[in-house]
């Protein structure tokens, strides 16, 4: 038997047998605590009740999530820039200054419009 066949057989064995067995064991070995708060679908303070879809719902939950995503994706764009900084030179530095400037302007807009204030 070749070594690559032996290695691939061992990997398949781990994926098919050992991994599901470990997941199954954690159900019995892990600590369990069932309470009302843990079983709620949202932990953000939203009370789930069956109401009509035209009822008023606080949109600030979604605004905070969208603003977080916008500024979180900023970090994803900074990683490739940091890796290619030597190749980009001063042009790359200028690009990132413009990019971060636009994001800071957006952050100032969010702060001035008081979107994140809870009342």
C-alpha atoms as a PDB file:
ATOM      1  CA  UNK A   1       0.000   0.000   0.000  1.00  0.00           C
ATOM      2  CA  UNK A   2       1.348   3.419  -0.885  1.00  0.00           C
ATOM      3  CA  UNK A   3       1.727   6.101   1.752  1.00  0.00           C
ATOM      4  CA  UNK A   4      -0.731   8.488   0.125  1.00  0.00           C
ATOM      5  CA  UNK A   5      -3.408   5.786   0.051  1.00  0.00           C
ATOM      6  CA  UNK A   6      -2.772   5.008   3.715  1.00  0.00           C
ATOM      7  CA  UNK A   7      -2.924   8.705   4.637  1.00  0.00           C
ATOM      8  CA  UNK A   8      -6.136   9.311   2.704  1.00  0.00           C
ATOM      9  CA  UNK A   9      -7.710   6.200   4.258  1.00  0.00           C
ATOM     10  CA  UNK A  10      -6.829   7.451   7.746  1.00  0.00           C
ATOM     11  CA  UNK A  11      -8.295  10.879   6.993  1.00  0.00           C
ATOM     12  CA  UNK A  12     -11.523   9.350   5.704  1.00  0.00           C
ATOM     13  CA  UNK A  13     -11.723   7.142   8.782  1.00  0.00           C
ATOM     14  CA  UNK A  14     -11.327  10.148  11.061  1.00  0.00           C
ATOM     15  CA  UNK A  15     -13.950  12.150   9.193  1.00  0.00           C
ATOM     16  CA  UNK A  16     -16.494   9.348   8.930  1.00  0.00           C
ATOM     17  CA  UNK A  17     -16.111   7.600  12.295  1.00  0.00           C
ATOM     18  CA  UNK A  18     -14.157   9.556  14.873  1.00  0.00           C
ATOM     19  CA  UNK A  19     -15.517  13.038  14.295  1.00  0.00           C
ATOM     20  CA  UNK A  20     -19.232  12.127  14.578  1.00  0.00           C
ATOM     21  CA  UNK A  21     -18.419   9.941  17.589  1.00  0.00           C
ATOM     22  CA  UNK A  22     -16.758  12.890  19.333  1.00  0.00           C
ATOM     23  CA  UNK A  23     -19.699  15.157  18.596  1.00  0.00           C
ATOM     24  CA  UNK A  24     -22.033  12.519  19.971  1.00  0.00           C
ATOM     25  CA  UNK A  25     -19.933  12.115  23.118  1.00  0.00           C
ATOM     26  CA  UNK A  26     -20.049  15.836  23.889  1.00  0.00           C
ATOM     27  CA  UNK A  27     -23.798  15.557  24.264  1.00  0.00           C
ATOM     28  CA  UNK A  28     -23.331  13.218  27.213  1.00  0.00           C
ATOM     29  CA  UNK A  29     -20.081  14.537  28.695  1.00  0.00           C
ATOM     30  CA  UNK A  30     -20.800  18.260  28.517  1.00  0.00           C
ATOM     31  CA  UNK A  31     -22.644  20.296  31.102  1.00  0.00           C
ATOM     32  CA  UNK A  32     -26.274  21.028  30.416  1.00  0.00           C
ATOM     33  CA  UNK A  33     -28.440  23.802  31.749  1.00  0.00           C
ATOM     34  CA  UNK A  34     -31.902  24.396  30.441  1.00  0.00           C
ATOM     35  CA  UNK A  35     -33.560  27.606  31.442  1.00  0.00           C
ATOM     36  CA  UNK A  36     -36.026  29.974  29.872  1.00  0.00           C
ATOM     37  CA  UNK A  37     -33.478  32.662  28.989  1.00  0.00           C
ATOM     38  CA  UNK A  38     -31.111  30.248  27.230  1.00  0.00           C
ATOM     39  CA  UNK A  39     -33.861  28.825  25.051  1.00  0.00           C
ATOM     40  CA  UNK A  40     -34.952  32.237  23.734  1.00  0.00           C
ATOM     41  CA  UNK A  41     -34.117  32.847  20.065  1.00  0.00           C
ATOM     42  CA  UNK A  42     -32.682  36.324  20.703  1.00  0.00           C
ATOM     43  CA  UNK A  43     -30.536  37.398  23.611  1.00  0.00           C
ATOM     44  CA  UNK A  44     -30.739  41.097  22.789  1.00  0.00           C
ATOM     45  CA  UNK A  45     -33.757  41.847  24.940  1.00  0.00           C
ATOM     46  CA  UNK A  46     -36.332  41.345  22.214  1.00  0.00           C
ATOM     47  CA  UNK A  47     -39.437  39.700  23.606  1.00  0.00           C
ATOM     48  CA  UNK A  48     -40.823  37.257  21.084  1.00  0.00           C
ATOM     49  CA  UNK A  49     -44.567  37.464  20.886  1.00  0.00           C
ATOM     50  CA  UNK A  50     -46.858  36.560  18.069  1.00  0.00           C
ATOM     51  CA  UNK A  51     -48.109  39.868  16.794  1.00  0.00           C
ATOM     52  CA  UNK A  52     -49.251  41.331  13.549  1.00  0.00           C
ATOM     53  CA  UNK A  53     -46.482  42.268  11.134  1.00  0.00           C
ATOM     54  CA  UNK A  54     -47.698  45.862  10.996  1.00  0.00           C
ATOM     55  CA  UNK A  55     -46.910  46.454  14.686  1.00  0.00           C
ATOM     56  CA  UNK A  56     -44.128  48.849  15.624  1.00  0.00           C
ATOM     57  CA  UNK A  57     -40.700  47.245  16.007  1.00  0.00           C
ATOM     58  CA  UNK A  58     -37.563  48.970  17.228  1.00  0.00           C
ATOM     59  CA  UNK A  59     -35.336  49.421  14.183  1.00  0.00           C
ATOM     60  CA  UNK A  60     -32.284  50.350  16.266  1.00  0.00           C
ATOM     61  CA  UNK A  61     -31.365  46.677  16.641  1.00  0.00           C
ATOM     62  CA  UNK A  62     -30.889  46.440  12.888  1.00  0.00           C
ATOM     63  CA  UNK A  63     -29.187  49.829  12.583  1.00  0.00           C
ATOM     64  CA  UNK A  64     -26.555  48.835  15.123  1.00  0.00           C
ATOM     65  CA  UNK A  65     -25.995  45.568  13.243  1.00  0.00           C
ATOM     66  CA  UNK A  66     -25.634  47.269   9.865  1.00  0.00           C
ATOM     67  CA  UNK A  67     -23.278  49.930  11.218  1.00  0.00           C
ATOM     68  CA  UNK A  68     -21.187  47.208  12.855  1.00  0.00           C
ATOM     69  CA  UNK A  69     -20.968  45.318   9.559  1.00  0.00           C
ATOM     70  CA  UNK A  70     -19.893  48.430   7.663  1.00  0.00           C
ATOM     71  CA  UNK A  71     -17.035  49.156  10.034  1.00  0.00           C
ATOM     72  CA  UNK A  72     -16.166  45.482  10.382  1.00  0.00           C
ATOM     73  CA  UNK A  73     -15.721  45.072   6.629  1.00  0.00           C
ATOM     74  CA  UNK A  74     -13.279  47.984   6.794  1.00  0.00           C
ATOM     75  CA  UNK A  75     -10.836  45.692   8.573  1.00  0.00           C
ATOM     76  CA  UNK A  76     -11.175  43.122   5.772  1.00  0.00           C
ATOM     77  CA  UNK A  77     -10.081  45.745   3.259  1.00  0.00           C
ATOM     78  CA  UNK A  78      -7.132  46.819   5.403  1.00  0.00           C
ATOM     79  CA  UNK A  79      -5.500  43.354   5.446  1.00  0.00           C
ATOM     80  CA  UNK A  80      -4.766  43.072   1.689  1.00  0.00           C
ATOM     81  CA  UNK A  81      -3.598  46.671   1.661  1.00  0.00           C
ATOM     82  CA  UNK A  82      -1.161  45.965   4.505  1.00  0.00           C
ATOM     83  CA  UNK A  83       0.199  42.904   2.700  1.00  0.00           C
ATOM     84  CA  UNK A  84       0.779  44.789  -0.559  1.00  0.00           C
ATOM     85  CA  UNK A  85       1.991  48.080   0.891  1.00  0.00           C
ATOM     86  CA  UNK A  86       5.543  47.732  -0.464  1.00  0.00           C
ATOM     87  CA  UNK A  87       4.273  47.067  -3.977  1.00  0.00           C
ATOM     88  CA  UNK A  88       1.740  49.905  -3.872  1.00  0.00           C
ATOM     89  CA  UNK A  89       4.158  52.541  -2.616  1.00  0.00           C
ATOM     90  CA  UNK A  90       2.967  56.068  -1.910  1.00  0.00           C
ATOM     91  CA  UNK A  91      -0.038  55.616  -4.173  1.00  0.00           C
ATOM     92  CA  UNK A  92      -1.295  52.886  -1.818  1.00  0.00           C
ATOM     93  CA  UNK A  93      -0.772  55.127   1.191  1.00  0.00           C
ATOM     94  CA  UNK A  94      -2.834  57.847  -0.487  1.00  0.00           C
ATOM     95  CA  UNK A  95      -5.579  55.358  -1.318  1.00  0.00           C
ATOM     96  CA  UNK A  96      -5.855  54.134   2.246  1.00  0.00           C
ATOM     97  CA  UNK A  97      -5.910  57.692   3.595  1.00  0.00           C
ATOM     98  CA  UNK A  98      -8.873  58.445   1.325  1.00  0.00           C
ATOM     99  CA  UNK A  99     -10.569  55.154   2.320  1.00  0.00           C
ATOM    100  CA  UNK A 100     -10.163  55.712   6.048  1.00  0.00           C
ATOM    101  CA  UNK A 101     -11.183  59.362   5.603  1.00  0.00           C
ATOM    102  CA  UNK A 102     -14.478  58.309   4.011  1.00  0.00           C
ATOM    103  CA  UNK A 103     -15.077  55.865   6.864  1.00  0.00           C
ATOM    104  CA  UNK A 104     -14.300  58.502   9.484  1.00  0.00           C
ATOM    105  CA  UNK A 105     -16.730  60.866   7.740  1.00  0.00           C
ATOM    106  CA  UNK A 106     -19.376  58.124   7.951  1.00  0.00           C
ATOM    107  CA  UNK A 107     -18.617  57.597  11.630  1.00  0.00           C
ATOM    108  CA  UNK A 108     -18.937  61.329  12.284  1.00  0.00           C
ATOM    109  CA  UNK A 109     -22.277  61.312  10.452  1.00  0.00           C
ATOM    110  CA  UNK A 110     -23.532  58.414  12.585  1.00  0.00           C
ATOM    111  CA  UNK A 111     -22.378  60.190  15.745  1.00  0.00           C
ATOM    112  CA  UNK A 112     -23.900  63.559  14.804  1.00  0.00           C
ATOM    113  CA  UNK A 113     -27.243  62.046  13.765  1.00  0.00           C
ATOM    114  CA  UNK A 114     -27.408  60.221  17.135  1.00  0.00           C
ATOM    115  CA  UNK A 115     -28.343  56.897  15.601  1.00  0.00           C
ATOM    116  CA  UNK A 116     -26.613  54.893  18.316  1.00  0.00           C
ATOM    117  CA  UNK A 117     -28.279  56.639  21.287  1.00  0.00           C
ATOM    118  CA  UNK A 118     -30.888  54.538  23.092  1.00  0.00           C
ATOM    119  CA  UNK A 119     -33.804  56.388  24.653  1.00  0.00           C
END
